[in-house]
């Protein structure tokens, strides 16, 4: 396998972007509670992840970019499933929580499910 193939993959790009999106969803909570140090760290982390993802996208071949498009679609489905499951859990348990508290948790669950699905599914030929 070439070095290019080791550096870029559709799954890796989608997981990096999913992590950036998940971190970005935590930012409003830090802003609301006025935790400026964590807000700055989250924004810097998101910026770093987006830059790394853009570099990987630039170096990717057309087949990897096609794989990344499919993987990003799956990521969005998993994120919606994670947020939906977390919202349902909040309704069932009746725990009072604001949206900025449970939204990052749901996104994290969706991202973990996406990564696990990518790890366990058969390799595409």
N, C-alpha and C. Protein backbone atom coordinates (compact mmCIF):
# COMPACT_ATOMS: atom_id res chain seq x y z
N UNK A 1 0.85 -1.18 0.00
CA UNK A 1 0.00 0.00 0.00
C UNK A 1 0.89 1.23 0.00
N UNK A 2 0.55 2.19 -0.79
CA UNK A 2 1.36 3.40 -0.88
C UNK A 2 1.13 4.29 0.34
N UNK A 3 2.07 5.19 0.53
CA UNK A 3 1.95 6.13 1.65
C UNK A 3 0.70 6.99 1.49
N UNK A 4 0.36 7.34 0.26
CA UNK A 4 -0.84 8.13 0.00
C UNK A 4 -2.08 7.40 0.52
N UNK A 5 -2.15 6.10 0.32
CA UNK A 5 -3.30 5.33 0.78
C UNK A 5 -3.38 5.26 2.29
N UNK A 6 -2.23 5.28 2.94
CA UNK A 6 -2.24 5.24 4.39
C UNK A 6 -2.68 6.57 5.00
N UNK A 7 -2.40 7.66 4.31
CA UNK A 7 -2.73 8.96 4.86
C UNK A 7 -4.19 9.34 4.67
N UNK A 8 -4.80 8.91 3.60
CA UNK A 8 -6.16 9.34 3.32
C UNK A 8 -7.09 8.15 3.20
N UNK A 9 -8.23 8.29 3.79
CA UNK A 9 -9.31 7.33 3.60
C UNK A 9 -10.61 8.08 3.86
N UNK A 10 -11.66 7.61 3.23
CA UNK A 10 -12.95 8.26 3.39
C UNK A 10 -13.45 8.21 4.83
N UNK A 11 -13.21 7.09 5.49
CA UNK A 11 -13.64 6.95 6.88
C UNK A 11 -12.89 7.93 7.78
N UNK A 12 -11.59 8.06 7.56
CA UNK A 12 -10.80 8.95 8.39
C UNK A 12 -11.27 10.39 8.24
N UNK A 13 -11.52 10.80 7.02
CA UNK A 13 -11.96 12.17 6.77
C UNK A 13 -13.33 12.41 7.43
N UNK A 14 -14.23 11.44 7.30
CA UNK A 14 -15.56 11.63 7.89
C UNK A 14 -15.50 11.64 9.42
N UNK A 15 -14.64 10.84 10.00
CA UNK A 15 -14.53 10.83 11.46
C UNK A 15 -13.93 12.13 11.97
N UNK A 16 -12.93 12.65 11.25
CA UNK A 16 -12.35 13.94 11.65
C UNK A 16 -13.38 15.06 11.56
N UNK A 17 -14.14 15.10 10.48
CA UNK A 17 -15.17 16.12 10.35
C UNK A 17 -16.30 15.93 11.36
N UNK A 18 -16.63 14.67 11.66
CA UNK A 18 -17.64 14.40 12.68
C UNK A 18 -17.19 14.85 14.06
N UNK A 19 -15.91 14.64 14.35
CA UNK A 19 -15.36 15.11 15.62
C UNK A 19 -15.39 16.63 15.70
N UNK A 20 -15.06 17.29 14.59
CA UNK A 20 -15.11 18.76 14.57
C UNK A 20 -16.54 19.25 14.79
N UNK A 21 -17.51 18.60 14.15
CA UNK A 21 -18.91 19.00 14.31
C UNK A 21 -19.40 18.74 15.73
N UNK A 22 -18.99 17.64 16.31
CA UNK A 22 -19.37 17.32 17.68
C UNK A 22 -18.79 18.33 18.66
N UNK A 23 -17.53 18.69 18.45
CA UNK A 23 -16.91 19.70 19.31
C UNK A 23 -17.58 21.05 19.13
N UNK A 24 -17.97 21.36 17.91
CA UNK A 24 -18.63 22.63 17.63
C UNK A 24 -19.99 22.71 18.33
N UNK A 25 -20.67 21.58 18.47
CA UNK A 25 -21.96 21.57 19.15
C UNK A 25 -21.81 21.77 20.66
N UNK A 26 -20.62 21.56 21.20
CA UNK A 26 -20.38 21.81 22.62
C UNK A 26 -20.10 23.28 22.89
N UNK A 27 -19.72 24.03 21.87
CA UNK A 27 -19.34 25.43 22.05
C UNK A 27 -20.47 26.31 22.61
N UNK A 28 -21.73 26.18 22.16
CA UNK A 28 -22.76 27.05 22.74
C UNK A 28 -22.93 26.87 24.25
N UNK A 29 -22.74 25.67 24.73
CA UNK A 29 -22.85 25.44 26.17
C UNK A 29 -21.77 26.18 26.95
N UNK A 30 -20.56 26.18 26.41
CA UNK A 30 -19.48 26.91 27.06
C UNK A 30 -19.71 28.42 26.97
N UNK A 31 -20.30 28.87 25.87
CA UNK A 31 -20.59 30.29 25.74
C UNK A 31 -21.68 30.71 26.72
N UNK A 32 -22.71 29.90 26.86
CA UNK A 32 -23.83 30.24 27.74
C UNK A 32 -23.40 30.30 29.19
N UNK A 33 -22.54 29.38 29.62
CA UNK A 33 -22.09 29.38 31.01
C UNK A 33 -20.85 30.25 31.22
N UNK A 34 -20.42 30.94 30.18
CA UNK A 34 -19.30 31.88 30.22
C UNK A 34 -17.97 31.22 30.60
N UNK A 35 -17.72 30.04 30.06
CA UNK A 35 -16.45 29.35 30.27
C UNK A 35 -15.56 29.64 29.05
N UNK A 36 -14.93 30.80 29.06
CA UNK A 36 -14.21 31.28 27.89
C UNK A 36 -12.97 30.45 27.56
N UNK A 37 -12.30 29.91 28.58
CA UNK A 37 -11.10 29.12 28.31
C UNK A 37 -11.44 27.87 27.50
N UNK A 38 -12.46 27.17 27.91
CA UNK A 38 -12.86 25.96 27.18
C UNK A 38 -13.43 26.31 25.81
N UNK A 39 -14.11 27.42 25.71
CA UNK A 39 -14.65 27.85 24.42
C UNK A 39 -13.52 28.11 23.42
N UNK A 40 -12.47 28.77 23.87
CA UNK A 40 -11.33 29.03 22.99
C UNK A 40 -10.64 27.72 22.60
N UNK A 41 -10.48 26.81 23.55
CA UNK A 41 -9.86 25.52 23.25
C UNK A 41 -10.69 24.71 22.26
N UNK A 42 -12.00 24.71 22.44
CA UNK A 42 -12.87 23.98 21.51
C UNK A 42 -12.78 24.58 20.12
N UNK A 43 -12.81 25.90 20.02
CA UNK A 43 -12.73 26.54 18.71
C UNK A 43 -11.38 26.28 18.04
N UNK A 44 -10.30 26.29 18.80
CA UNK A 44 -8.98 25.97 18.24
C UNK A 44 -8.92 24.52 17.78
N UNK A 45 -9.50 23.63 18.56
CA UNK A 45 -9.53 22.22 18.16
C UNK A 45 -10.34 21.99 16.90
N UNK A 46 -11.47 22.66 16.79
CA UNK A 46 -12.29 22.55 15.58
C UNK A 46 -11.53 23.07 14.37
N UNK A 47 -10.86 24.20 14.53
CA UNK A 47 -10.08 24.77 13.42
C UNK A 47 -8.97 23.80 13.00
N UNK A 48 -8.29 23.19 13.96
CA UNK A 48 -7.22 22.24 13.63
C UNK A 48 -7.78 21.03 12.90
N UNK A 49 -8.90 20.51 13.34
CA UNK A 49 -9.50 19.35 12.68
C UNK A 49 -9.95 19.66 11.26
N UNK A 50 -10.49 20.85 11.06
CA UNK A 50 -10.93 21.23 9.72
C UNK A 50 -9.73 21.39 8.79
N UNK A 51 -8.64 21.95 9.29
CA UNK A 51 -7.43 22.10 8.47
C UNK A 51 -6.86 20.74 8.09
N UNK A 52 -6.77 19.84 9.05
CA UNK A 52 -6.25 18.50 8.76
C UNK A 52 -7.16 17.78 7.77
N UNK A 53 -8.47 17.90 7.95
CA UNK A 53 -9.41 17.27 7.02
C UNK A 53 -9.26 17.84 5.61
N UNK A 54 -9.06 19.15 5.51
CA UNK A 54 -8.89 19.77 4.19
C UNK A 54 -7.60 19.29 3.53
N UNK A 55 -6.55 19.13 4.30
CA UNK A 55 -5.29 18.62 3.74
C UNK A 55 -5.47 17.19 3.26
N UNK A 56 -6.15 16.37 4.06
CA UNK A 56 -6.39 14.99 3.64
C UNK A 56 -7.27 14.95 2.39
N UNK A 57 -8.27 15.82 2.33
CA UNK A 57 -9.16 15.87 1.16
C UNK A 57 -8.37 16.26 -0.09
N UNK A 58 -7.47 17.22 0.06
CA UNK A 58 -6.67 17.67 -1.07
C UNK A 58 -5.77 16.55 -1.60
N UNK A 59 -5.22 15.74 -0.71
CA UNK A 59 -4.31 14.67 -1.11
C UNK A 59 -5.03 13.41 -1.57
N UNK A 60 -6.33 13.36 -1.35
CA UNK A 60 -7.10 12.14 -1.63
C UNK A 60 -7.29 11.95 -3.13
N UNK A 61 -7.34 10.69 -3.52
CA UNK A 61 -7.65 10.36 -4.91
C UNK A 61 -9.15 10.46 -5.12
N UNK A 62 -9.58 10.33 -6.36
CA UNK A 62 -11.01 10.45 -6.65
C UNK A 62 -11.81 9.31 -6.02
N UNK A 63 -11.22 8.12 -5.94
CA UNK A 63 -11.94 7.01 -5.31
C UNK A 63 -12.09 7.24 -3.80
N UNK A 64 -11.07 7.82 -3.18
CA UNK A 64 -11.16 8.12 -1.76
C UNK A 64 -12.19 9.22 -1.52
N UNK A 65 -12.26 10.20 -2.42
CA UNK A 65 -13.25 11.26 -2.27
C UNK A 65 -14.67 10.70 -2.41
N UNK A 66 -14.87 9.75 -3.31
CA UNK A 66 -16.17 9.10 -3.43
C UNK A 66 -16.51 8.32 -2.18
N UNK A 67 -15.51 7.64 -1.63
CA UNK A 67 -15.71 6.92 -0.38
C UNK A 67 -16.03 7.89 0.76
N UNK A 68 -15.38 9.04 0.74
CA UNK A 68 -15.64 10.03 1.79
C UNK A 68 -17.06 10.57 1.69
N UNK A 69 -17.57 10.78 0.48
CA UNK A 69 -18.95 11.25 0.32
C UNK A 69 -19.93 10.23 0.92
N UNK A 70 -19.72 8.95 0.61
CA UNK A 70 -20.60 7.92 1.17
C UNK A 70 -20.47 7.87 2.69
N UNK A 71 -19.27 8.00 3.17
CA UNK A 71 -19.03 7.94 4.61
C UNK A 71 -19.63 9.16 5.32
N UNK A 72 -19.58 10.32 4.69
CA UNK A 72 -20.19 11.51 5.29
C UNK A 72 -21.71 11.39 5.36
N UNK A 73 -22.31 10.76 4.36
CA UNK A 73 -23.76 10.52 4.42
C UNK A 73 -24.11 9.60 5.58
N UNK A 74 -23.30 8.53 5.74
CA UNK A 74 -23.53 7.63 6.88
C UNK A 74 -23.32 8.36 8.20
N UNK A 75 -22.31 9.24 8.25
CA UNK A 75 -22.05 10.01 9.46
C UNK A 75 -23.27 10.83 9.84
N UNK A 76 -23.86 11.52 8.88
CA UNK A 76 -25.04 12.33 9.18
C UNK A 76 -26.19 11.48 9.71
N UNK A 77 -26.37 10.30 9.13
CA UNK A 77 -27.43 9.41 9.63
C UNK A 77 -27.15 8.97 11.06
N UNK A 78 -25.89 8.63 11.35
CA UNK A 78 -25.55 8.21 12.71
C UNK A 78 -25.68 9.37 13.70
N UNK A 79 -25.31 10.58 13.28
CA UNK A 79 -25.46 11.73 14.17
C UNK A 79 -26.92 12.00 14.48
N UNK A 80 -27.77 11.92 13.48
CA UNK A 80 -29.21 12.10 13.70
C UNK A 80 -29.74 11.00 14.63
N UNK A 81 -29.28 9.77 14.43
CA UNK A 81 -29.72 8.67 15.30
C UNK A 81 -29.25 8.89 16.74
N UNK A 82 -28.03 9.36 16.92
CA UNK A 82 -27.52 9.62 18.27
C UNK A 82 -28.27 10.74 18.97
N UNK A 83 -28.55 11.81 18.24
CA UNK A 83 -29.30 12.93 18.83
C UNK A 83 -30.73 12.50 19.12
N UNK A 84 -31.32 11.74 18.21
CA UNK A 84 -32.68 11.25 18.44
C UNK A 84 -32.77 10.33 19.65
N UNK A 85 -31.80 9.43 19.78
CA UNK A 85 -31.80 8.52 20.93
C UNK A 85 -31.60 9.29 22.23
N UNK A 86 -30.74 10.28 22.22
CA UNK A 86 -30.52 11.07 23.43
C UNK A 86 -31.75 11.90 23.78
N UNK A 87 -32.39 12.48 22.77
CA UNK A 87 -33.61 13.25 23.03
C UNK A 87 -34.71 12.35 23.59
N UNK A 88 -34.84 11.15 23.01
CA UNK A 88 -35.82 10.19 23.51
C UNK A 88 -35.52 9.80 24.95
N UNK A 89 -34.26 9.60 25.25
CA UNK A 89 -33.85 9.26 26.61
C UNK A 89 -34.21 10.39 27.58
N UNK A 90 -34.00 11.63 27.17
CA UNK A 90 -34.35 12.76 28.03
C UNK A 90 -35.85 12.82 28.29
N UNK A 91 -36.65 12.51 27.26
CA UNK A 91 -38.10 12.54 27.42
C UNK A 91 -38.56 11.40 28.33
N UNK A 92 -38.01 10.21 28.12
CA UNK A 92 -38.43 9.05 28.92
C UNK A 92 -38.03 9.20 30.38
N UNK A 93 -36.80 9.64 30.62
CA UNK A 93 -36.31 9.74 31.99
C UNK A 93 -36.86 10.96 32.71
N UNK A 94 -37.30 11.95 31.96
CA UNK A 94 -37.87 13.14 32.58
C UNK A 94 -36.85 14.00 33.30
N UNK A 95 -35.59 13.85 32.95
CA UNK A 95 -34.55 14.65 33.58
C UNK A 95 -34.54 16.05 32.95
N UNK A 96 -34.55 17.06 33.77
CA UNK A 96 -34.49 18.41 33.19
C UNK A 96 -33.09 18.70 32.67
N UNK A 97 -32.99 18.97 31.39
CA UNK A 97 -31.71 19.32 30.78
C UNK A 97 -31.97 20.26 29.63
N UNK A 98 -31.09 21.20 29.48
CA UNK A 98 -31.20 22.14 28.37
C UNK A 98 -30.60 21.51 27.12
N UNK A 99 -30.98 22.07 25.97
CA UNK A 99 -30.52 21.51 24.70
C UNK A 99 -29.01 21.54 24.60
N UNK A 100 -28.37 22.55 25.13
CA UNK A 100 -26.92 22.65 25.01
C UNK A 100 -26.20 21.65 25.91
N UNK A 101 -26.93 20.96 26.77
CA UNK A 101 -26.33 19.92 27.58
C UNK A 101 -26.44 18.55 26.92
N UNK A 102 -27.58 18.24 26.32
CA UNK A 102 -27.74 16.90 25.76
C UNK A 102 -27.38 16.80 24.29
N UNK A 103 -27.35 17.91 23.56
CA UNK A 103 -27.00 17.86 22.14
C UNK A 103 -25.57 17.35 21.91
N UNK A 104 -24.55 17.84 22.62
CA UNK A 104 -23.20 17.28 22.41
C UNK A 104 -23.11 15.81 22.79
N UNK A 105 -23.87 15.39 23.79
CA UNK A 105 -23.86 13.97 24.16
C UNK A 105 -24.43 13.11 23.04
N UNK A 106 -25.52 13.57 22.45
CA UNK A 106 -26.12 12.84 21.34
C UNK A 106 -25.20 12.78 20.13
N UNK A 107 -24.54 13.89 19.85
CA UNK A 107 -23.59 13.92 18.73
C UNK A 107 -22.42 12.96 18.99
N UNK A 108 -21.96 12.92 20.23
CA UNK A 108 -20.87 12.02 20.58
C UNK A 108 -21.29 10.56 20.41
N UNK A 109 -22.49 10.23 20.83
CA UNK A 109 -23.00 8.86 20.64
C UNK A 109 -23.08 8.53 19.16
N UNK A 110 -23.59 9.45 18.35
CA UNK A 110 -23.67 9.23 16.91
C UNK A 110 -22.29 9.04 16.29
N UNK A 111 -21.31 9.85 16.70
CA UNK A 111 -19.95 9.72 16.17
C UNK A 111 -19.33 8.39 16.56
N UNK A 112 -19.55 7.97 17.79
CA UNK A 112 -19.02 6.66 18.21
C UNK A 112 -19.67 5.52 17.44
N UNK A 113 -20.97 5.61 17.21
CA UNK A 113 -21.65 4.58 16.42
C UNK A 113 -21.12 4.55 14.99
N UNK A 114 -20.86 5.72 14.42
CA UNK A 114 -20.30 5.79 13.07
C UNK A 114 -18.91 5.15 13.02
N UNK A 115 -18.08 5.46 13.99
CA UNK A 115 -16.73 4.89 14.02
C UNK A 115 -16.78 3.37 14.22
N UNK A 116 -17.64 2.91 15.10
CA UNK A 116 -17.76 1.47 15.33
C UNK A 116 -18.31 0.76 14.09
N UNK A 117 -19.27 1.38 13.43
CA UNK A 117 -19.81 0.78 12.21
C UNK A 117 -18.72 0.68 11.14
N UNK A 118 -17.93 1.73 11.00
CA UNK A 118 -16.85 1.71 10.04
C UNK A 118 -15.78 0.68 10.38
N UNK A 119 -15.61 0.41 11.64
CA UNK A 119 -14.61 -0.56 12.09
C UNK A 119 -15.11 -1.99 11.86
N UNK A 120 -16.39 -2.23 12.10
CA UNK A 120 -16.92 -3.60 12.04
C UNK A 120 -17.42 -4.02 10.67
N UNK A 121 -17.73 -3.08 9.82
CA UNK A 121 -18.30 -3.49 8.54
C UNK A 121 -17.21 -4.10 7.67
N UNK A 122 -17.61 -4.94 6.72
CA UNK A 122 -16.62 -5.57 5.83
C UNK A 122 -15.92 -4.54 4.97
N UNK A 123 -14.69 -4.84 4.61
CA UNK A 123 -13.89 -3.95 3.77
C UNK A 123 -14.43 -3.99 2.35
N UNK A 124 -14.56 -2.78 1.75
CA UNK A 124 -15.04 -2.71 0.36
C UNK A 124 -13.89 -3.03 -0.57
N UNK A 125 -14.16 -3.82 -1.56
CA UNK A 125 -13.11 -4.22 -2.52
C UNK A 125 -12.98 -3.22 -3.61
